[in-house]
PDB file of N, CA and C in Angstrom:
ATOM      1  N   MET A   1     -26.685  81.406-115.135  1.00  0.00           N
ATOM      2  CA  MET A   1     -27.982  82.024-115.329  1.00  0.00           C
ATOM      3  C   MET A   1     -28.215  83.044-114.222  1.00  0.00           C
ATOM      4  N   THR A   2     -28.711  84.204-114.600  1.00  0.00           N
ATOM      5  CA  THR A   2     -28.958  85.283-113.648  1.00  0.00           C
ATOM      6  C   THR A   2     -30.288  85.059-112.944  1.00  0.00           C
ATOM      7  N   THR A   3     -30.284  85.291-111.655  1.00  0.00           N
ATOM      8  CA  THR A   3     -31.517  85.198-110.884  1.00  0.00           C
ATOM      9  C   THR A   3     -32.422  86.361-111.251  1.00  0.00           C
ATOM     10  N   VAL A   4     -33.707  86.069-111.372  1.00  0.00           N
ATOM     11  CA  VAL A   4     -34.679  87.107-111.695  1.00  0.00           C
ATOM     12  C   VAL A   4     -35.384  87.518-110.410  1.00  0.00           C
ATOM     13  N   PHE A   5     -35.263  88.799-110.092  1.00  0.00           N
ATOM     14  CA  PHE A   5     -35.893  89.363-108.908  1.00  0.00           C
ATOM     15  C   PHE A   5     -37.085  90.220-109.323  1.00  0.00           C
ATOM     16  N   PRO A   6     -38.065  90.371-108.441  1.00  0.00           N
ATOM     17  CA  PRO A   6     -39.139  91.343-108.722  1.00  0.00           C
ATOM     18  C   PRO A   6     -38.520  92.737-108.872  1.00  0.00           C
ATOM     19  N   GLY A   7     -39.143  93.572-109.709  1.00  0.00           N
ATOM     20  CA  GLY A   7     -38.621  94.912-109.954  1.00  0.00           C
ATOM     21  C   GLY A   7     -38.206  95.679-108.701  1.00  0.00           C
ATOM     22  N   PRO A   8     -39.067  95.747-107.686  1.00  0.00           N
ATOM     23  CA  PRO A   8     -38.700  96.526-106.494  1.00  0.00           C
ATOM     24  C   PRO A   8     -37.483  95.980-105.745  1.00  0.00           C
ATOM     25  N   ASP A   9     -37.135  94.711-105.980  1.00  0.00           N
ATOM     26  CA  ASP A   9     -35.996  94.103-105.279  1.00  0.00           C
ATOM     27  C   ASP A   9     -34.689  94.219-106.048  1.00  0.00           C
ATOM     28  N   CYS A  10     -34.726  94.726-107.286  1.00  0.00           N
ATOM     29  CA  CYS A  10     -33.508  94.845-108.088  1.00  0.00           C
ATOM     30  C   CYS A  10     -32.616  95.955-107.531  1.00  0.00           C
ATOM     31  N   THR A  11     -31.317  95.666-107.521  1.00  0.00           N
ATOM     32  CA  THR A  11     -30.348  96.659-107.051  1.00  0.00           C
ATOM     33  C   THR A  11     -29.285  96.964-108.098  1.00  0.00           C
ATOM     34  N   THR A  12     -29.268  96.206-109.201  1.00  0.00           N
ATOM     35  CA  THR A  12     -28.296  96.453-110.269  1.00  0.00           C
ATOM     36  C   THR A  12     -29.022  96.435-111.616  1.00  0.00           C
ATOM     37  N   MET A  13     -28.405  97.046-112.603  1.00  0.00           N
ATOM     38  CA  MET A  13     -28.974  97.026-113.953  1.00  0.00           C
ATOM     39  C   MET A  13     -28.954  95.609-114.521  1.00  0.00           C
ATOM     40  N   LYS A  14     -27.999  94.798-114.145  1.00  0.00           N
ATOM     41  CA  LYS A  14     -27.971  93.404-114.596  1.00  0.00           C
ATOM     42  C   LYS A  14     -29.237  92.691-114.137  1.00  0.00           C
ATOM     43  N   GLU A  15     -29.649  92.927-112.906  1.00  0.00           N
ATOM     44  CA  GLU A  15     -30.875  92.311-112.377  1.00  0.00           C
ATOM     45  C   GLU A  15     -32.118  92.846-113.103  1.00  0.00           C
ATOM     46  N   VAL A  16     -32.130  94.160-113.341  1.00  0.00           N
ATOM     47  CA  VAL A  16     -33.258  94.770-114.063  1.00  0.00           C
ATOM     48  C   VAL A  16     -33.367  94.151-115.452  1.00  0.00           C
ATOM     49  N   ARG A  17     -32.248  94.078-116.158  1.00  0.00           N
ATOM     50  CA  ARG A  17     -32.259  93.549-117.525  1.00  0.00           C
ATOM     51  C   ARG A  17     -32.662  92.081-117.555  1.00  0.00           C
ATOM     52  N   ALA A  18     -32.204  91.305-116.578  1.00  0.00           N
ATOM     53  CA  ALA A  18     -32.600  89.899-116.511  1.00  0.00           C
ATOM     54  C   ALA A  18     -34.110  89.784-116.320  1.00  0.00           C
ATOM     55  N   GLY A  19     -34.669  90.631-115.480  1.00  0.00           N
ATOM     56  CA  GLY A  19     -36.113  90.620-115.265  1.00  0.00           C
ATOM     57  C   GLY A  19     -36.882  91.027-116.505  1.00  0.00           C
ATOM     58  N   VAL A  20     -36.427  92.071-117.176  1.00  0.00           N
ATOM     59  CA  VAL A  20     -37.089  92.529-118.396  1.00  0.00           C
ATOM     60  C   VAL A  20     -37.008  91.452-119.478  1.00  0.00           C
ATOM     61  N   ASP A  21     -35.843  90.837-119.643  1.00  0.00           N
ATOM     62  CA  ASP A  21     -35.688  89.789-120.662  1.00  0.00           C
ATOM     63  C   ASP A  21     -36.596  88.598-120.375  1.00  0.00           C
ATOM     64  N   ALA A  22     -36.687  88.201-119.111  1.00  0.00           N
ATOM     65  CA  ALA A  22     -37.558  87.077-118.741  1.00  0.00           C
ATOM     66  C   ALA A  22     -39.019  87.438-119.001  1.00  0.00           C
ATOM     67  N   LEU A  23     -39.389  88.641-118.642  1.00  0.00           N
ATOM     68  CA  LEU A  23     -40.763  89.081-118.858  1.00  0.00           C
ATOM     69  C   LEU A  23     -41.079  89.182-120.350  1.00  0.00           C
ATOM     70  N   ASP A  24     -40.131  89.648-121.153  1.00  0.00           N
ATOM     71  CA  ASP A  24     -40.342  89.718-122.599  1.00  0.00           C
ATOM     72  C   ASP A  24     -40.606  88.329-123.182  1.00  0.00           C
ATOM     73  N   ARG A  25     -39.882  87.321-122.703  1.00  0.00           N
ATOM     74  CA  ARG A  25     -40.123  85.959-123.185  1.00  0.00           C
ATOM     75  C   ARG A  25     -41.545  85.518-122.827  1.00  0.00           C
ATOM     76  N   GLU A  26     -41.994  85.850-121.633  1.00  0.00           N
ATOM     77  CA  GLU A  26     -43.356  85.501-121.216  1.00  0.00           C
ATOM     78  C   GLU A  26     -44.393  86.245-122.058  1.00  0.00           C
ATOM     79  N   LEU A  27     -44.135  87.520-122.336  1.00  0.00           N
ATOM     80  CA  LEU A  27     -45.070  88.299-123.154  1.00  0.00           C
ATOM     81  C   LEU A  27     -45.193  87.720-124.557  1.00  0.00           C
ATOM     82  N   VAL A  28     -44.082  87.317-125.145  1.00  0.00           N
ATOM     83  CA  VAL A  28     -44.126  86.729-126.487  1.00  0.00           C
ATOM     84  C   VAL A  28     -44.897  85.411-126.453  1.00  0.00           C
ATOM     85  N   ALA A  29     -44.715  84.618-125.407  1.00  0.00           N
ATOM     86  CA  ALA A  29     -45.473  83.369-125.277  1.00  0.00           C
ATOM     87  C   ALA A  29     -46.968  83.667-125.156  1.00  0.00           C
ATOM     88  N   LEU A  30     -47.332  84.703-124.429  1.00  0.00           N
ATOM     89  CA  LEU A  30     -48.741  85.091-124.321  1.00  0.00           C
ATOM     90  C   LEU A  30     -49.272  85.588-125.664  1.00  0.00           C
ATOM     91  N   LEU A  31     -48.452  86.316-126.408  1.00  0.00           N
ATOM     92  CA  LEU A  31     -48.868  86.770-127.734  1.00  0.00           C
ATOM     93  C   LEU A  31     -49.093  85.580-128.659  1.00  0.00           C
ATOM     94  N   ALA A  32     -48.280  84.543-128.533  1.00  0.00           N
ATOM     95  CA  ALA A  32     -48.491  83.338-129.340  1.00  0.00           C
ATOM     96  C   ALA A  32     -49.859  82.739-129.024  1.00  0.00           C
ATOM     97  N   GLN A  33     -50.238  82.741-127.765  1.00  0.00           N
ATOM     98  CA  GLN A  33     -51.567  82.247-127.386  1.00  0.00           C
ATOM     99  C   GLN A  33     -52.657  83.141-127.973  1.00  0.00           C
ATOM    100  N   ARG A  34     -52.448  84.453-127.932  1.00  0.00           N
ATOM    101  CA  ARG A  34     -53.444  85.385-128.479  1.00  0.00           C
ATOM    102  C   ARG A  34     -53.611  85.165-129.985  1.00  0.00           C
ATOM    103  N   PHE A  35     -52.503  84.994-130.686  1.00  0.00           N
ATOM    104  CA  PHE A  35     -52.569  84.800-132.127  1.00  0.00           C
ATOM    105  C   PHE A  35     -53.192  83.446-132.481  1.00  0.00           C
ATOM    106  N   ALA A  36     -53.097  82.466-131.592  1.00  0.00           N
ATOM    107  CA  ALA A  36     -53.791  81.197-131.813  1.00  0.00           C
ATOM    108  C   ALA A  36     -55.302  81.426-131.852  1.00  0.00           C
ATOM    109  N   TYR A  37     -55.779  82.394-131.069  1.00  0.00           N
ATOM    110  CA  TYR A  37     -57.198  82.749-131.136  1.00  0.00           C
ATOM    111  C   TYR A  37     -57.530  83.427-132.462  1.00  0.00           C
ATOM    112  N   MET A  38     -56.585  84.150-133.029  1.00  0.00           N
ATOM    113  CA  MET A  38     -56.809  84.750-134.346  1.00  0.00           C
ATOM    114  C   MET A  38     -56.920  83.651-135.406  1.00  0.00           C
ATOM    115  N   ASP A  39     -56.102  82.592-135.273  1.00  0.00           N
ATOM    116  CA  ASP A  39     -56.226  81.446-136.174  1.00  0.00           C
ATOM    117  C   ASP A  39     -57.621  80.836-136.063  1.00  0.00           C
ATOM    118  N   ALA A  40     -58.099  80.693-134.821  1.00  0.00           N
ATOM    119  CA  ALA A  40     -59.435  80.125-134.611  1.00  0.00           C
ATOM    120  C   ALA A  40     -60.502  81.036-135.210  1.00  0.00           C
ATOM    121  N   ALA A  41     -60.366  82.330-135.005  1.00  0.00           N
ATOM    122  CA  ALA A  41     -61.347  83.271-135.553  1.00  0.00           C
ATOM    123  C   ALA A  41     -61.382  83.189-137.075  1.00  0.00           C
ATOM    124  N   ALA A  42     -60.207  83.091-137.691  1.00  0.00           N
ATOM    125  CA  ALA A  42     -60.142  82.995-139.153  1.00  0.00           C
ATOM    126  C   ALA A  42     -60.814  81.716-139.647  1.00  0.00           C
ATOM    127  N   ARG A  43     -60.720  80.667-138.861  1.00  0.00           N
ATOM    128  CA  ARG A  43     -61.340  79.399-139.217  1.00  0.00           C
ATOM    129  C   ARG A  43     -62.857  79.445-139.023  1.00  0.00           C
ATOM    130  N   ILE A  44     -63.311  80.173-138.009  1.00  0.00           N
ATOM    131  CA  ILE A  44     -64.723  80.189-137.637  1.00  0.00           C
ATOM    132  C   ILE A  44     -65.529  81.211-138.438  1.00  0.00           C
ATOM    133  N   LYS A  45     -64.967  82.369-138.701  1.00  0.00           N
ATOM    134  CA  LYS A  45     -65.718  83.427-139.393  1.00  0.00           C
ATOM    135  C   LYS A  45     -66.051  82.994-140.818  1.00  0.00           C
ATOM    136  N   PRO A  46     -67.312  83.171-141.221  1.00  0.00           N
ATOM    137  CA  PRO A  46     -67.718  82.681-142.532  1.00  0.00           C
ATOM    138  C   PRO A  46     -67.268  83.552-143.706  1.00  0.00           C
ATOM    139  N   GLU A  47     -66.988  84.844-143.433  1.00  0.00           N
ATOM    140  CA  GLU A  47     -66.628  85.747-144.524  1.00  0.00           C
ATOM    141  C   GLU A  47     -65.436  86.613-144.118  1.00  0.00           C
ATOM    142  N   ARG A  48     -64.594  86.910-145.103  1.00  0.00           N
ATOM    143  CA  ARG A  48     -63.408  87.739-144.860  1.00  0.00           C
ATOM    144  C   ARG A  48     -63.789  89.103-144.286  1.00  0.00           C
ATOM    145  N   GLY A  49     -64.897  89.652-144.738  1.00  0.00           N
ATOM    146  CA  GLY A  49     -65.351  90.957-144.257  1.00  0.00           C
ATOM    147  C   GLY A  49     -65.694  90.987-142.783  1.00  0.00           C
ATOM    148  N   HIS A  50     -65.846  89.828-142.173  1.00  0.00           N
ATOM    149  CA  HIS A  50     -66.142  89.758-140.746  1.00  0.00           C
ATOM    150  C   HIS A  50     -64.891  89.876-139.879  1.00  0.00           C
ATOM    151  N   VAL A  51     -63.715  89.823-140.508  1.00  0.00           N
ATOM    152  CA  VAL A  51     -62.470  89.887-139.736  1.00  0.00           C
ATOM    153  C   VAL A  51     -62.338  91.225-139.029  1.00  0.00           C
ATOM    154  N   ARG A  52     -62.557  92.304-139.749  1.00  0.00           N
ATOM    155  CA  ARG A  52     -62.444  93.634-139.127  1.00  0.00           C
ATOM    156  C   ARG A  52     -63.781  93.998-138.495  1.00  0.00           C
ATOM    157  N   ASP A  53     -63.733  94.245-137.182  1.00  0.00           N
ATOM    158  CA  ASP A  53     -64.928  94.619-136.418  1.00  0.00           C
ATOM    159  C   ASP A  53     -64.546  95.828-135.564  1.00  0.00           C
ATOM    160  N   GLU A  54     -64.847  97.019-136.060  1.00  0.00           N
ATOM    161  CA  GLU A  54     -64.411  98.251-135.395  1.00  0.00           C
ATOM    162  C   GLU A  54     -64.996  98.401-133.986  1.00  0.00           C
ATOM    163  N   ALA A  55     -66.229  97.951-133.777  1.00  0.00           N
ATOM    164  CA  ALA A  55     -66.822  98.039-132.434  1.00  0.00           C
ATOM    165  C   ALA A  55     -66.059  97.150-131.457  1.00  0.00           C
ATOM    166  N   ARG A  56     -65.728  95.938-131.884  1.00  0.00           N
ATOM    167  CA  ARG A  56     -64.961  95.022-131.031  1.00  0.00           C
ATOM    168  C   ARG A  56     -63.569  95.582-130.782  1.00  0.00           C
ATOM    169  N   LYS A  57     -62.941  96.128-131.824  1.00  0.00           N
ATOM    170  CA  LYS A  57     -61.609  96.727-131.680  1.00  0.00           C
ATOM    171  C   LYS A  57     -61.642  97.825-130.620  1.00  0.00           C
ATOM    172  N   ALA A  58     -62.619  98.709-130.705  1.00  0.00           N
ATOM    173  CA  ALA A  58     -62.729  99.805-129.735  1.00  0.00           C
ATOM    174  C   ALA A  58     -62.932  99.273-128.318  1.00  0.00           C
ATOM    175  N   ALA A  59     -63.737  98.229-128.178  1.00  0.00           N
ATOM    176  CA  ALA A  59     -63.981  97.653-126.851  1.00  0.00           C
ATOM    177  C   ALA A  59     -62.716  97.028-126.276  1.00  0.00           C
ATOM    178  N   VAL A  60     -61.964  96.318-127.107  1.00  0.00           N
ATOM    179  CA  VAL A  60     -60.717  95.680-126.647  1.00  0.00           C
ATOM    180  C   VAL A  60     -59.732  96.746-126.169  1.00  0.00           C
ATOM    181  N   ILE A  61     -59.597  97.815-126.923  1.00  0.00           N
ATOM    182  CA  ILE A  61     -58.665  98.888-126.550  1.00  0.00           C
ATOM    183  C   ILE A  61     -59.149  99.593-125.291  1.00  0.00           C
ATOM    184  N   ALA A  62     -60.441  99.853-125.183  1.00  0.00           N
ATOM    185  CA  ALA A  62     -60.988 100.497-123.978  1.00  0.00           C
ATOM    186  C   ALA A  62     -60.779  99.615-122.754  1.00  0.00           C
ATOM    187  N   ASN A  63     -60.959  98.313-122.909  1.00  0.00           N
ATOM    188  CA  ASN A  63     -60.735  97.395-121.789  1.00  0.00           C
ATOM    189  C   ASN A  63     -59.278  97.412-121.336  1.00  0.00           C
ATOM    190  N   ALA A  64     -58.368  97.424-122.287  1.00  0.00           N
ATOM    191  CA  ALA A  64     -56.943  97.457-121.949  1.00  0.00           C
ATOM    192  C   ALA A  64     -56.590  98.766-121.250  1.00  0.00           C
ATOM    193  N   ARG A  65     -57.136  99.869-121.745  1.00  0.00           N
ATOM    194  CA  ARG A  65     -56.889 101.174-121.117  1.00  0.00           C
ATOM    195  C   ARG A  65     -57.406 101.180-119.678  1.00  0.00           C
ATOM    196  N   ALA A  66     -58.612 100.693-119.487  1.00  0.00           N
ATOM    197  CA  ALA A  66     -59.211 100.682-118.146  1.00  0.00           C
ATOM    198  C   ALA A  66     -58.400  99.816-117.190  1.00  0.00           C
ATOM    199  N   GLU A  67     -57.969  98.652-117.647  1.00  0.00           N
ATOM    200  CA  GLU A  67     -57.179  97.767-116.786  1.00  0.00           C
ATOM    201  C   GLU A  67     -55.825  98.398-116.468  1.00  0.00           C
ATOM    202  N   ALA A  68     -55.212  99.038-117.453  1.00  0.00           N
ATOM    203  CA  ALA A  68     -53.945  99.725-117.213  1.00  0.00           C
ATOM    204  C   ALA A  68     -54.112 100.803-116.153  1.00  0.00           C
ATOM    205  N   GLU A  69     -55.142 101.602-116.296  1.00  0.00           N
ATOM    206  CA  GLU A  69     -55.375 102.690-115.330  1.00  0.00           C
ATOM    207  C   GLU A  69     -55.687 102.131-113.948  1.00  0.00           C
ATOM    208  N   ARG A  70     -56.412 101.020-113.880  1.00  0.00           N
ATOM    209  CA  ARG A  70     -56.702 100.386-112.593  1.00  0.00           C
ATOM    210  C   ARG A  70     -55.400  99.964-111.904  1.00  0.00           C
ATOM    211  N   LEU A  71     -54.418  99.563-112.713  1.00  0.00           N
ATOM    212  CA  LEU A  71     -53.125  99.126-112.178  1.00  0.00           C
ATOM    213  C   LEU A  71     -52.132 100.271-111.998  1.00  0.00           C
ATOM    214  N   GLY A  72     -52.571 101.502-112.275  1.00  0.00           N
ATOM    215  CA  GLY A  72     -51.695 102.656-112.104  1.00  0.00           C
ATOM    216  C   GLY A  72     -50.742 102.900-113.260  1.00  0.00           C
ATOM    217  N   LEU A  73     -51.043 102.334-114.417  1.00  0.00           N
ATOM    218  CA  LEU A  73     -50.211 102.512-115.603  1.00  0.00           C
ATOM    219  C   LEU A  73     -50.798 103.613-116.479  1.00  0.00           C
ATOM    220  N   PRO A  74     -49.999 104.170-117.385  1.00  0.00           N
ATOM    221  CA  PRO A  74     -50.505 105.224-118.275  1.00  0.00           C
ATOM    222  C   PRO A  74     -51.481 104.659-119.304  1.00  0.00           C
ATOM    223  N   GLY A  75     -52.747 104.967-119.132  1.00  0.00           N
ATOM    224  CA  GLY A  75     -53.794 104.425-119.995  1.00  0.00           C
ATOM    225  C   GLY A  75     -53.604 104.746-121.459  1.00  0.00           C
ATOM    226  N   GLY A  76     -53.192 105.970-121.767  1.00  0.00           N
ATOM    227  CA  GLY A  76     -52.994 106.359-123.161  1.00  0.00           C
ATOM    228  C   GLY A  76     -51.901 105.553-123.828  1.00  0.00           C
ATOM    229  N   ALA A  77     -50.811 105.331-123.130  1.00  0.00           N
ATOM    230  CA  ALA A  77     -49.703 104.557-123.700  1.00  0.00           C
ATOM    231  C   ALA A  77     -50.126 103.109-123.933  1.00  0.00           C
ATOM    232  N   ILE A  78     -50.865 102.550-122.993  1.00  0.00           N
ATOM    233  CA  ILE A  78     -51.335 101.175-123.149  1.00  0.00           C
ATOM    234  C   ILE A  78     -52.342 101.096-124.296  1.00  0.00           C
ATOM    235  N   ALA A  79     -53.227 102.086-124.398  1.00  0.00           N
ATOM    236  CA  ALA A  79     -54.188 102.110-125.511  1.00  0.00           C
ATOM    237  C   ALA A  79     -53.462 102.170-126.852  1.00  0.00           C
ATOM    238  N   ASP A  80     -52.384 102.943-126.925  1.00  0.00           N
ATOM    239  CA  ASP A  80     -51.598 103.018-128.163  1.00  0.00           C
ATOM    240  C   ASP A  80     -50.975 101.661-128.505  1.00  0.00           C
ATOM    241  N   LEU A  81     -50.428 100.984-127.485  1.00  0.00           N
ATOM    242  CA  LEU A  81     -49.865  99.652-127.713  1.00  0.00           C
ATOM    243  C   LEU A  81     -50.938  98.684-128.197  1.00  0.00           C
ATOM    244  N   TRP A  82     -52.122  98.764-127.573  1.00  0.00           N
ATOM    245  CA  TRP A  82     -53.202  97.851-127.953  1.00  0.00           C
ATOM    246  C   TRP A  82     -53.722  98.157-129.350  1.00  0.00           C
ATOM    247  N   GLU A  83     -53.706  99.409-129.747  1.00  0.00           N
ATOM    248  CA  GLU A  83     -54.072  99.763-131.124  1.00  0.00           C
ATOM    249  C   GLU A  83     -53.170  99.002-132.091  1.00  0.00           C
ATOM    250  N   GLN A  84     -51.869  99.030-131.826  1.00  0.00           N
ATOM    251  CA  GLN A  84     -50.919  98.319-132.690  1.00  0.00           C
ATOM    252  C   GLN A  84     -51.124  96.815-132.612  1.00  0.00           C
ATOM    253  N   LEU A  85     -51.369  96.305-131.407  1.00  0.00           N
ATOM    254  CA  LEU A  85     -51.578  94.871-131.232  1.00  0.00           C
ATOM    255  C   LEU A  85     -52.821  94.405-131.986  1.00  0.00           C
ATOM    256  N   VAL A  86     -53.907  95.154-131.853  1.00  0.00           N
ATOM    257  CA  VAL A  86     -55.148  94.764-132.522  1.00  0.00           C
ATOM    258  C   VAL A  86     -54.983  94.838-134.044  1.00  0.00           C
ATOM    259  N   GLU A  87     -54.342  95.879-134.535  1.00  0.00           N
ATOM    260  CA  GLU A  87     -54.123  95.973-135.986  1.00  0.00           C
ATOM    261  C   GLU A  87     -53.240  94.830-136.486  1.00  0.00           C
ATOM    262  N   ALA A  88     -52.208  94.477-135.725  1.00  0.00           N
ATOM    263  CA  ALA A  88     -51.361  93.341-136.106  1.00  0.00           C
ATOM    264  C   ALA A  88     -52.159  92.044-136.074  1.00  0.00           C
ATOM    265  N   SER A  89     -53.049  91.922-135.106  1.00  0.00           N
ATOM    266  CA  SER A  89     -53.892  90.735-134.997  1.00  0.00           C
ATOM    267  C   SER A  89     -54.851  90.634-136.173  1.00  0.00           C
ATOM    268  N   ILE A  90     -55.417  91.763-136.575  1.00  0.00           N
ATOM    269  CA  ILE A  90     -56.324  91.784-137.729  1.00  0.00           C
ATOM    270  C   ILE A  90     -55.564  91.384-138.993  1.00  0.00           C
ATOM    271  N   ALA A  91     -54.382  91.941-139.183  1.00  0.00           N
ATOM    272  CA  ALA A  91     -53.578  91.591-140.356  1.00  0.00           C
ATOM    273  C   ALA A  91     -53.246  90.100-140.359  1.00  0.00           C
ATOM    274  N   TYR A  92     -52.893  89.573-139.210  1.00  0.00           N
ATOM    275  CA  TYR A  92     -52.578  88.152-139.083  1.00  0.00           C
ATOM    276  C   TYR A  92     -53.813  87.304-139.400  1.00  0.00           C
ATOM    277  N   GLU A  93     -54.952  87.718-138.844  1.00  0.00           N
ATOM    278  CA  GLU A  93     -56.191  86.967-139.074  1.00  0.00           C
ATOM    279  C   GLU A  93     -56.598  86.998-140.551  1.00  0.00           C
ATOM    280  N   LEU A  94     -56.437  88.147-141.190  1.00  0.00           N
ATOM    281  CA  LEU A  94     -56.743  88.230-142.623  1.00  0.00           C
ATOM    282  C   LEU A  94     -55.864  87.273-143.414  1.00  0.00           C
ATOM    283  N   SER A  95     -54.588  87.233-143.064  1.00  0.00           N
ATOM    284  CA  SER A  95     -53.668  86.316-143.737  1.00  0.00           C
ATOM    285  C   SER A  95     -54.079  84.870-143.505  1.00  0.00           C
ATOM    286  N   ALA A  96     -54.440  84.553-142.273  1.00  0.00           N
ATOM    287  CA  ALA A  96     -54.880  83.186-141.955  1.00  0.00           C
ATOM    288  C   ALA A  96     -56.181  82.859-142.693  1.00  0.00           C
ATOM    289  N   PHE A  97     -57.070  83.825-142.776  1.00  0.00           N
ATOM    290  CA  PHE A  97     -58.338  83.612-143.496  1.00  0.00           C
ATOM    291  C   PHE A  97     -58.061  83.319-144.974  1.00  0.00           C
ATOM    292  N   ASP A  98     -57.175  84.108-145.557  1.00  0.00           N
ATOM    293  CA  ASP A  98     -56.849  83.933-146.976  1.00  0.00           C
ATOM    294  C   ASP A  98     -56.135  82.611-147.250  1.00  0.00           C
ATOM    295  N   ALA A  99     -55.430  82.097-146.261  1.00  0.00           N
ATOM    296  CA  ALA A  99     -54.676  80.856-146.443  1.00  0.00           C
ATOM    297  C   ALA A  99     -55.559  79.605-146.356  1.00  0.00           C
ATOM    298  N   ARG A 100     -56.802  79.755-145.879  1.00  0.00           N
ATOM    299  CA  ARG A 100     -57.640  78.549-145.736  1.00  0.00           C
ATOM    300  C   ARG A 100     -58.177  78.056-147.049  1.00  0.00           C
TER     301      ARG A 100
END
């Protein structure tokens, strides 16, 4: 098993890739937790039409952009990723709502 070093401590591409792969596994685990909240939302919301909430979507994306910029990351790129994440979450929640 390859040791995972913080990004600034990596000196080889093998170390970089090991770090990225480990982080990807953590991100997917966090996404599983996020989607569990979509399951809860589908269970709690009384009507299918309540699944899509454009004001909430905009706030979630704005929050992600602001946090990215606070951390020195490209806000636009993060906002684009969150747009896709939120749309995938809405699709998942609609499916979960329909399955109940």
